C-alpha atoms as a PDB file:
ATOM      1  CA  UNK A   1      14.725  20.924  -7.059  1.00  0.00           C
ATOM      2  CA  UNK A   2      16.780  20.461  -3.882  1.00  0.00           C
ATOM      3  CA  UNK A   3      20.066  22.321  -3.796  1.00  0.00           C
ATOM      4  CA  UNK A   4      23.526  20.825  -3.620  1.00  0.00           C
ATOM      5  CA  UNK A   5      23.339  21.062   0.173  1.00  0.00           C
ATOM      6  CA  UNK A   6      20.892  18.153   0.116  1.00  0.00           C
ATOM      7  CA  UNK A   7      23.029  15.032   0.264  1.00  0.00           C
ATOM      8  CA  UNK A   8      20.373  12.670   1.588  1.00  0.00           C
ATOM      9  CA  UNK A   9      17.217  12.543   3.710  1.00  0.00           C
ATOM     10  CA  UNK A  10      16.588   9.781   6.210  1.00  0.00           C
ATOM     11  CA  UNK A  11      12.780   9.648   6.407  1.00  0.00           C
ATOM     12  CA  UNK A  12      12.332   7.433   9.469  1.00  0.00           C
ATOM     13  CA  UNK A  13      13.988   7.785  12.853  1.00  0.00           C
ATOM     14  CA  UNK A  14      12.864   8.093  16.472  1.00  0.00           C
ATOM     15  CA  UNK A  15      14.131  10.078  19.431  1.00  0.00           C
ATOM     16  CA  UNK A  16      13.127   9.634  23.060  1.00  0.00           C
ATOM     17  CA  UNK A  17      14.272   9.547  26.654  1.00  0.00           C
ATOM     18  CA  UNK A  18      13.604   6.616  28.931  1.00  0.00           C
ATOM     19  CA  UNK A  19      12.265   8.939  31.650  1.00  0.00           C
ATOM     20  CA  UNK A  20       9.499  10.419  29.478  1.00  0.00           C
ATOM     21  CA  UNK A  21       5.870   9.508  30.320  1.00  0.00           C
ATOM     22  CA  UNK A  22       4.838   6.441  28.326  1.00  0.00           C
ATOM     23  CA  UNK A  23       1.415   5.164  27.377  1.00  0.00           C
ATOM     24  CA  UNK A  24      -0.149   2.225  29.240  1.00  0.00           C
ATOM     25  CA  UNK A  25      -0.411  -1.045  27.359  1.00  0.00           C
ATOM     26  CA  UNK A  26       2.631  -0.287  25.210  1.00  0.00           C
ATOM     27  CA  UNK A  27       4.458  -3.130  23.475  1.00  0.00           C
ATOM     28  CA  UNK A  28       7.923  -1.777  24.269  1.00  0.00           C
ATOM     29  CA  UNK A  29       9.680   0.359  26.867  1.00  0.00           C
ATOM     30  CA  UNK A  30      13.175   1.639  26.041  1.00  0.00           C
ATOM     31  CA  UNK A  31      15.898   1.282  28.649  1.00  0.00           C
ATOM     32  CA  UNK A  32      18.125   3.957  27.099  1.00  0.00           C
ATOM     33  CA  UNK A  33      17.966   7.449  25.605  1.00  0.00           C
ATOM     34  CA  UNK A  34      18.013   8.199  21.874  1.00  0.00           C
ATOM     35  CA  UNK A  35      18.706  11.918  21.524  1.00  0.00           C
ATOM     36  CA  UNK A  36      18.515  14.241  18.564  1.00  0.00           C
ATOM     37  CA  UNK A  37      22.238  14.961  18.935  1.00  0.00           C
ATOM     38  CA  UNK A  38      23.018  11.259  18.579  1.00  0.00           C
ATOM     39  CA  UNK A  39      20.760  11.063  15.547  1.00  0.00           C
ATOM     40  CA  UNK A  40      22.345  14.041  13.815  1.00  0.00           C
ATOM     41  CA  UNK A  41      25.751  12.476  14.426  1.00  0.00           C
ATOM     42  CA  UNK A  42      24.587   9.366  12.554  1.00  0.00           C
ATOM     43  CA  UNK A  43      23.371  11.519   9.674  1.00  0.00           C
ATOM     44  CA  UNK A  44      26.739  13.270   9.563  1.00  0.00           C
ATOM     45  CA  UNK A  45      28.584   9.965   9.721  1.00  0.00           C
ATOM     46  CA  UNK A  46      26.850   8.742   6.563  1.00  0.00           C
ATOM     47  CA  UNK A  47      27.066  12.091   4.794  1.00  0.00           C
ATOM     48  CA  UNK A  48      23.334  12.762   5.036  1.00  0.00           C
ATOM     49  CA  UNK A  49      22.011  16.289   5.356  1.00  0.00           C
ATOM     50  CA  UNK A  50      18.425  15.952   6.616  1.00  0.00           C
ATOM     51  CA  UNK A  51      16.126  13.699   8.601  1.00  0.00           C
ATOM     52  CA  UNK A  52      12.510  13.026   9.539  1.00  0.00           C
ATOM     53  CA  UNK A  53      11.583  12.237  13.141  1.00  0.00           C
ATOM     54  CA  UNK A  54       8.680   9.847  13.677  1.00  0.00           C
ATOM     55  CA  UNK A  55       6.835   9.983  16.987  1.00  0.00           C
ATOM     56  CA  UNK A  56       7.402   6.651  18.812  1.00  0.00           C
ATOM     57  CA  UNK A  57       4.213   4.746  19.586  1.00  0.00           C
ATOM     58  CA  UNK A  58       5.167   4.292  23.252  1.00  0.00           C
ATOM     59  CA  UNK A  59       5.034   8.078  23.764  1.00  0.00           C
ATOM     60  CA  UNK A  60       1.477   8.252  22.417  1.00  0.00           C
ATOM     61  CA  UNK A  61       0.098  11.655  21.442  1.00  0.00           C
ATOM     62  CA  UNK A  62       2.505  13.640  23.635  1.00  0.00           C
ATOM     63  CA  UNK A  63       4.708  14.940  20.821  1.00  0.00           C
ATOM     64  CA  UNK A  64       6.525  17.617  22.848  1.00  0.00           C
ATOM     65  CA  UNK A  65       9.952  15.925  22.931  1.00  0.00           C
ATOM     66  CA  UNK A  66       9.992  15.538  19.154  1.00  0.00           C
ATOM     67  CA  UNK A  67       8.623  19.063  18.649  1.00  0.00           C
ATOM     68  CA  UNK A  68      11.390  20.558  20.787  1.00  0.00           C
ATOM     69  CA  UNK A  69      13.979  18.846  18.581  1.00  0.00           C
ATOM     70  CA  UNK A  70      12.299  20.128  15.422  1.00  0.00           C
ATOM     71  CA  UNK A  71      12.333  23.658  16.810  1.00  0.00           C
ATOM     72  CA  UNK A  72      16.042  23.395  17.605  1.00  0.00           C
ATOM     73  CA  UNK A  73      17.009  22.146  14.137  1.00  0.00           C
ATOM     74  CA  UNK A  74      14.377  23.540  11.752  1.00  0.00           C
ATOM     75  CA  UNK A  75      16.638  23.456   8.701  1.00  0.00           C
ATOM     76  CA  UNK A  76      17.595  19.807   9.018  1.00  0.00           C
ATOM     77  CA  UNK A  77      14.507  18.100  10.442  1.00  0.00           C
ATOM     78  CA  UNK A  78      10.832  17.471   9.774  1.00  0.00           C
ATOM     79  CA  UNK A  79       8.414  15.450  11.875  1.00  0.00           C
ATOM     80  CA  UNK A  80       5.498  13.034  11.770  1.00  0.00           C
ATOM     81  CA  UNK A  81       3.273  13.149  14.853  1.00  0.00           C
ATOM     82  CA  UNK A  82       0.794  10.856  16.575  1.00  0.00           C
ATOM     83  CA  UNK A  83      -2.582  12.457  17.274  1.00  0.00           C
ATOM     84  CA  UNK A  84      -6.121  11.562  18.288  1.00  0.00           C
ATOM     85  CA  UNK A  85      -8.840  11.664  15.655  1.00  0.00           C
ATOM     86  CA  UNK A  86     -10.387  14.615  17.509  1.00  0.00           C
ATOM     87  CA  UNK A  87      -7.205  16.724  17.429  1.00  0.00           C
ATOM     88  CA  UNK A  88      -8.088  20.388  17.007  1.00  0.00           C
ATOM     89  CA  UNK A  89      -7.051  22.535  14.066  1.00  0.00           C
ATOM     90  CA  UNK A  90      -5.187  24.770  16.519  1.00  0.00           C
ATOM     91  CA  UNK A  91      -3.120  21.785  17.678  1.00  0.00           C
ATOM     92  CA  UNK A  92      -2.383  20.843  14.082  1.00  0.00           C
ATOM     93  CA  UNK A  93      -1.397  24.461  13.385  1.00  0.00           C
ATOM     94  CA  UNK A  94       1.081  24.354  16.270  1.00  0.00           C
ATOM     95  CA  UNK A  95       2.558  21.098  15.049  1.00  0.00           C
ATOM     96  CA  UNK A  96       2.858  22.503  11.522  1.00  0.00           C
ATOM     97  CA  UNK A  97       4.660  25.581  12.812  1.00  0.00           C
ATOM     98  CA  UNK A  98       7.243  23.273  14.403  1.00  0.00           C
ATOM     99  CA  UNK A  99       7.865  21.350  11.175  1.00  0.00           C
ATOM    100  CA  UNK A 100       5.398  18.472  11.414  1.00  0.00           C
ATOM    101  CA  UNK A 101       4.110  17.404   8.000  1.00  0.00           C
ATOM    102  CA  UNK A 102       2.165  14.235   8.731  1.00  0.00           C
ATOM    103  CA  UNK A 103       0.484  11.874  11.149  1.00  0.00           C
ATOM    104  CA  UNK A 104       1.401   8.287  11.874  1.00  0.00           C
ATOM    105  CA  UNK A 105      -0.875   5.341  12.482  1.00  0.00           C
ATOM    106  CA  UNK A 106       1.033   2.516  14.116  1.00  0.00           C
ATOM    107  CA  UNK A 107      -1.598  -0.201  13.858  1.00  0.00           C
ATOM    108  CA  UNK A 108       0.525  -3.083  15.075  1.00  0.00           C
ATOM    109  CA  UNK A 109      -1.610  -5.006  17.558  1.00  0.00           C
ATOM    110  CA  UNK A 110      -4.582  -2.634  17.221  1.00  0.00           C
ATOM    111  CA  UNK A 111      -8.142  -3.071  15.999  1.00  0.00           C
ATOM    112  CA  UNK A 112      -8.664  -1.834  12.466  1.00  0.00           C
ATOM    113  CA  UNK A 113     -12.282  -0.727  12.489  1.00  0.00           C
ATOM    114  CA  UNK A 114     -11.447   2.400  14.514  1.00  0.00           C
ATOM    115  CA  UNK A 115      -9.547   3.802  11.522  1.00  0.00           C
ATOM    116  CA  UNK A 116     -12.317   3.421   8.950  1.00  0.00           C
ATOM    117  CA  UNK A 117     -15.024   5.327  10.840  1.00  0.00           C
ATOM    118  CA  UNK A 118     -16.301   8.871  10.468  1.00  0.00           C
ATOM    119  CA  UNK A 119     -13.975  10.491  13.028  1.00  0.00           C
ATOM    120  CA  UNK A 120     -10.776   9.233  11.432  1.00  0.00           C
ATOM    121  CA  UNK A 121     -12.072   9.829   7.912  1.00  0.00           C
ATOM    122  CA  UNK A 122     -12.747  13.457   8.764  1.00  0.00           C
ATOM    123  CA  UNK A 123      -9.224  13.791  10.179  1.00  0.00           C
ATOM    124  CA  UNK A 124      -7.765  12.310   6.995  1.00  0.00           C
ATOM    125  CA  UNK A 125      -9.698  14.880   4.956  1.00  0.00           C
ATOM    126  CA  UNK A 126      -8.426  17.692   7.170  1.00  0.00           C
ATOM    127  CA  UNK A 127      -4.870  16.433   6.727  1.00  0.00           C
ATOM    128  CA  UNK A 128      -5.383  16.220   2.958  1.00  0.00           C
ATOM    129  CA  UNK A 129      -6.426  19.870   2.870  1.00  0.00           C
ATOM    130  CA  UNK A 130      -3.198  20.756   4.667  1.00  0.00           C
ATOM    131  CA  UNK A 131      -1.087  18.782   2.219  1.00  0.00           C
ATOM    132  CA  UNK A 132      -0.010  16.446   5.019  1.00  0.00           C
ATOM    133  CA  UNK A 133       0.544  12.717   4.803  1.00  0.00           C
ATOM    134  CA  UNK A 134      -0.608   9.699   6.791  1.00  0.00           C
ATOM    135  CA  UNK A 135       2.019   7.072   7.566  1.00  0.00           C
ATOM    136  CA  UNK A 136       0.834   3.582   8.355  1.00  0.00           C
ATOM    137  CA  UNK A 137       2.577   0.625   9.959  1.00  0.00           C
ATOM    138  CA  UNK A 138       0.700  -2.638   9.627  1.00  0.00           C
ATOM    139  CA  UNK A 139       1.394  -6.130   8.353  1.00  0.00           C
ATOM    140  CA  UNK A 140       1.059  -6.623   4.607  1.00  0.00           C
ATOM    141  CA  UNK A 141      -1.920  -8.976   4.786  1.00  0.00           C
ATOM    142  CA  UNK A 142      -4.097  -6.227   6.286  1.00  0.00           C
ATOM    143  CA  UNK A 143      -2.952  -3.338   4.090  1.00  0.00           C
ATOM    144  CA  UNK A 144      -5.339  -4.092   1.179  1.00  0.00           C
ATOM    145  CA  UNK A 145      -8.307  -3.580   3.496  1.00  0.00           C
ATOM    146  CA  UNK A 146      -6.976  -0.359   5.066  1.00  0.00           C
ATOM    147  CA  UNK A 147      -5.137   1.547   2.353  1.00  0.00           C
ATOM    148  CA  UNK A 148      -8.005   2.084  -0.139  1.00  0.00           C
ATOM    149  CA  UNK A 149     -10.273   3.408   2.615  1.00  0.00           C
ATOM    150  CA  UNK A 150      -7.723   6.005   3.708  1.00  0.00           C
ATOM    151  CA  UNK A 151      -6.900   6.977   0.122  1.00  0.00           C
ATOM    152  CA  UNK A 152     -10.601   7.761  -0.493  1.00  0.00           C
ATOM    153  CA  UNK A 153     -10.132  10.824   1.735  1.00  0.00           C
ATOM    154  CA  UNK A 154      -7.676  12.296  -0.755  1.00  0.00           C
ATOM    155  CA  UNK A 155      -4.757  12.244   1.667  1.00  0.00           C
ATOM    156  CA  UNK A 156      -1.256  11.134   0.686  1.00  0.00           C
ATOM    157  CA  UNK A 157      -0.360   7.787   2.257  1.00  0.00           C
ATOM    158  CA  UNK A 158       3.060   6.414   3.184  1.00  0.00           C
ATOM    159  CA  UNK A 159       3.564   2.743   4.037  1.00  0.00           C
ATOM    160  CA  UNK A 160       6.321   1.962   6.505  1.00  0.00           C
ATOM    161  CA  UNK A 161       8.949  -0.757   6.346  1.00  0.00           C
ATOM    162  CA  UNK A 162       8.323  -2.339   2.914  1.00  0.00           C
ATOM    163  CA  UNK A 163       4.744  -3.017   4.096  1.00  0.00           C
ATOM    164  CA  UNK A 164       6.025  -5.584   6.627  1.00  0.00           C
ATOM    165  CA  UNK A 165       5.762  -8.586   4.264  1.00  0.00           C
ATOM    166  CA  UNK A 166       6.185 -11.731   6.311  1.00  0.00           C
ATOM    167  CA  UNK A 167       8.433 -14.532   4.988  1.00  0.00           C
ATOM    168  CA  UNK A 168       5.381 -16.604   4.027  1.00  0.00           C
ATOM    169  CA  UNK A 169       4.053 -13.887   1.700  1.00  0.00           C
ATOM    170  CA  UNK A 170       4.083 -14.805  -1.988  1.00  0.00           C
ATOM    171  CA  UNK A 171       4.554 -11.553  -3.873  1.00  0.00           C
ATOM    172  CA  UNK A 172       3.017 -12.897  -7.094  1.00  0.00           C
ATOM    173  CA  UNK A 173      -0.159 -14.137  -5.399  1.00  0.00           C
ATOM    174  CA  UNK A 174      -3.077 -12.934  -7.603  1.00  0.00           C
ATOM    175  CA  UNK A 175      -4.944 -11.834  -4.472  1.00  0.00           C
ATOM    176  CA  UNK A 176      -2.431  -8.977  -4.065  1.00  0.00           C
ATOM    177  CA  UNK A 177      -2.646  -7.641  -7.633  1.00  0.00           C
ATOM    178  CA  UNK A 178      -5.284  -5.000  -6.885  1.00  0.00           C
ATOM    179  CA  UNK A 179      -3.290  -3.711  -3.940  1.00  0.00           C
ATOM    180  CA  UNK A 180      -0.025  -3.493  -5.878  1.00  0.00           C
ATOM    181  CA  UNK A 181      -1.906  -1.712  -8.660  1.00  0.00           C
ATOM    182  CA  UNK A 182      -2.622   1.159  -6.271  1.00  0.00           C
ATOM    183  CA  UNK A 183       1.050   2.103  -6.297  1.00  0.00           C
ATOM    184  CA  UNK A 184       0.844   3.107  -9.916  1.00  0.00           C
ATOM    185  CA  UNK A 185      -2.240   5.296  -9.640  1.00  0.00           C
ATOM    186  CA  UNK A 186      -2.649   6.684  -6.105  1.00  0.00           C
ATOM    187  CA  UNK A 187      -0.686   9.166  -3.945  1.00  0.00           C
ATOM    188  CA  UNK A 188       0.968   6.215  -2.251  1.00  0.00           C
ATOM    189  CA  UNK A 189       4.603   6.043  -1.156  1.00  0.00           C
ATOM    190  CA  UNK A 190       6.601   3.270   0.474  1.00  0.00           C
ATOM    191  CA  UNK A 191       9.645   3.277   2.722  1.00  0.00           C
ATOM    192  CA  UNK A 192      12.520   0.938   2.025  1.00  0.00           C
ATOM    193  CA  UNK A 193      13.229   0.628   5.724  1.00  0.00           C
ATOM    194  CA  UNK A 194      13.615  -1.878   8.555  1.00  0.00           C
ATOM    195  CA  UNK A 195      13.722  -5.030   6.443  1.00  0.00           C
ATOM    196  CA  UNK A 196      14.640  -6.837   9.655  1.00  0.00           C
ATOM    197  CA  UNK A 197      11.151  -6.222  11.058  1.00  0.00           C
ATOM    198  CA  UNK A 198       9.767  -8.673   8.499  1.00  0.00           C
ATOM    199  CA  UNK A 199      12.732 -11.064   8.766  1.00  0.00           C
ATOM    200  CA  UNK A 200      13.924 -10.108   5.286  1.00  0.00           C
ATOM    201  CA  UNK A 201      17.533 -10.731   4.352  1.00  0.00           C
ATOM    202  CA  UNK A 202      19.163  -8.890   1.446  1.00  0.00           C
ATOM    203  CA  UNK A 203      17.895 -11.313  -1.210  1.00  0.00           C
ATOM    204  CA  UNK A 204      14.339 -11.071   0.110  1.00  0.00           C
ATOM    205  CA  UNK A 205      14.546  -7.265   0.340  1.00  0.00           C
ATOM    206  CA  UNK A 206      15.820  -7.143  -3.250  1.00  0.00           C
ATOM    207  CA  UNK A 207      12.929  -9.297  -4.445  1.00  0.00           C
ATOM    208  CA  UNK A 208      10.393  -7.128  -2.628  1.00  0.00           C
ATOM    209  CA  UNK A 209      11.977  -3.955  -3.978  1.00  0.00           C
ATOM    210  CA  UNK A 210      11.888  -5.308  -7.525  1.00  0.00           C
ATOM    211  CA  UNK A 211       8.200  -6.155  -7.177  1.00  0.00           C
ATOM    212  CA  UNK A 212       7.411  -2.721  -5.768  1.00  0.00           C
ATOM    213  CA  UNK A 213       9.456  -1.050  -8.502  1.00  0.00           C
ATOM    214  CA  UNK A 214       7.374  -2.818 -11.125  1.00  0.00           C
ATOM    215  CA  UNK A 215       4.161  -1.806  -9.353  1.00  0.00           C
ATOM    216  CA  UNK A 216       5.271   1.830  -9.000  1.00  0.00           C
ATOM    217  CA  UNK A 217       6.674   2.100 -12.508  1.00  0.00           C
ATOM    218  CA  UNK A 218      10.113   3.010 -11.200  1.00  0.00           C
ATOM    219  CA  UNK A 219      11.567   4.474  -8.012  1.00  0.00           C
ATOM    220  CA  UNK A 220       9.518   7.673  -7.973  1.00  0.00           C
ATOM    221  CA  UNK A 221       7.487   6.616  -4.912  1.00  0.00           C
ATOM    222  CA  UNK A 222      10.357   5.112  -2.908  1.00  0.00           C
ATOM    223  CA  UNK A 223      11.761   6.587   0.302  1.00  0.00           C
ATOM    224  CA  UNK A 224      14.515   5.390   2.608  1.00  0.00           C
ATOM    225  CA  UNK A 225      14.594   5.338   6.386  1.00  0.00           C
ATOM    226  CA  UNK A 226      17.136   4.093   8.898  1.00  0.00           C
ATOM    227  CA  UNK A 227      14.537   3.244  11.580  1.00  0.00           C
ATOM    228  CA  UNK A 228      17.151   4.430  14.084  1.00  0.00           C
ATOM    229  CA  UNK A 229      17.647   3.473  16.892  1.00  0.00           C
ATOM    230  CA  UNK A 230      16.189   0.195  15.601  1.00  0.00           C
ATOM    231  CA  UNK A 231      14.124  -0.483  18.715  1.00  0.00           C
ATOM    232  CA  UNK A 232      14.051  -4.126  19.799  1.00  0.00           C
ATOM    233  CA  UNK A 233      16.721  -4.878  17.165  1.00  0.00           C
ATOM    234  CA  UNK A 234      19.488  -2.672  18.547  1.00  0.00           C
ATOM    235  CA  UNK A 235      21.913  -5.578  18.916  1.00  0.00           C
ATOM    236  CA  UNK A 236      21.295  -6.829  15.383  1.00  0.00           C
ATOM    237  CA  UNK A 237      22.038  -3.804  13.225  1.00  0.00           C
ATOM    238  CA  UNK A 238      23.671  -0.368  13.078  1.00  0.00           C
ATOM    239  CA  UNK A 239      22.905   2.887  11.313  1.00  0.00           C
ATOM    240  CA  UNK A 240      25.633   2.436   8.724  1.00  0.00           C
ATOM    241  CA  UNK A 241      24.408  -1.084   7.966  1.00  0.00           C
ATOM    242  CA  UNK A 242      20.929   0.227   7.219  1.00  0.00           C
ATOM    243  CA  UNK A 243      22.402   2.834   4.902  1.00  0.00           C
ATOM    244  CA  UNK A 244      24.487   0.141   3.208  1.00  0.00           C
ATOM    245  CA  UNK A 245      21.304  -1.849   2.590  1.00  0.00           C
ATOM    246  CA  UNK A 246      19.923   0.993   0.500  1.00  0.00           C
ATOM    247  CA  UNK A 247      23.114   1.106  -1.531  1.00  0.00           C
ATOM    248  CA  UNK A 248      22.759  -2.626  -2.157  1.00  0.00           C
ATOM    249  CA  UNK A 249      19.097  -2.298  -3.139  1.00  0.00           C
ATOM    250  CA  UNK A 250      19.714   0.677  -5.429  1.00  0.00           C
ATOM    251  CA  UNK A 251      23.255   0.443  -6.865  1.00  0.00           C
ATOM    252  CA  UNK A 252      22.440   3.044  -9.547  1.00  0.00           C
ATOM    253  CA  UNK A 253      23.616   6.432  -8.175  1.00  0.00           C
ATOM    254  CA  UNK A 254      20.953   8.413 -10.044  1.00  0.00           C
ATOM    255  CA  UNK A 255      18.152   6.236  -8.689  1.00  0.00           C
ATOM    256  CA  UNK A 256      19.640   6.372  -5.218  1.00  0.00           C
ATOM    257  CA  UNK A 257      19.771  10.162  -5.301  1.00  0.00           C
ATOM    258  CA  UNK A 258      16.149  10.276  -6.343  1.00  0.00           C
ATOM    259  CA  UNK A 259      15.156   8.108  -3.384  1.00  0.00           C
ATOM    260  CA  UNK A 260      17.467   9.849  -0.921  1.00  0.00           C
ATOM    261  CA  UNK A 261      16.927  13.449  -2.050  1.00  0.00           C
ATOM    262  CA  UNK A 262      14.345  14.274  -4.704  1.00  0.00           C
ATOM    263  CA  UNK A 263      11.448  12.108  -3.497  1.00  0.00           C
ATOM    264  CA  UNK A 264      11.613  12.956   0.218  1.00  0.00           C
ATOM    265  CA  UNK A 265      12.405  16.642  -0.335  1.00  0.00           C
ATOM    266  CA  UNK A 266       9.098  16.915  -2.181  1.00  0.00           C
ATOM    267  CA  UNK A 267       7.032  14.760   0.162  1.00  0.00           C
ATOM    268  CA  UNK A 268       8.285  16.189   3.458  1.00  0.00           C
ATOM    269  CA  UNK A 269       8.377  19.821   2.417  1.00  0.00           C
ATOM    270  CA  UNK A 270      12.083  20.530   2.636  1.00  0.00           C
ATOM    271  CA  UNK A 271      12.939  23.831   0.993  1.00  0.00           C
END
């Protein structure tokens, strides 16, 4: 069990500098810096003790900026990297030594078939043997065709941002029953984060959370993330507002502590 020094873990934030090399064909280019010092200040401001840095998609597989931050603050931070399917075990070892515990697939705007082939499947199996996780960002409609394939490898899977359910999604549609059923039987976690990315207001986020709670059999597979610095939505929200959303979704203090402390401490390997 986490000690009293664990007051909360934010499982989804990004750091970057605008002068870092960025990948061609990216969907977004930041015009500002988001530093680890700024991030830690936000954690402190909300009384949170720990955080997880997620490699931004526009930096591609060059994880060095995130790794440097992890090495500077090894007690407070863990990381999730972006890698190629052919990444070597030595490279994974180096990332692990820095505090990386998973790999992210940001599939927004990307072809899906690349992630169901032999090369990626072998990577997923290697990650499973390490006890790592795979985090996936993709719209809800496509998740039922991706998630089971990745889970077959035995790796733990984390779905970002409520699964990005668009406003037109009907949660009780029978076509989604098999997918929701996975939450009760597979090593599958979901982040209550960035509701704004699927145009969800509080009422919609509450409805989605209730449906996921029923599918998961409680809050034992829930995580929370701020999605700081809320790229492309910077003018629409703040860190403290994202934290307040969690409090509104989970008013029960015991449930909130489980989602903020117990669940992520286990999943992300915090001592």
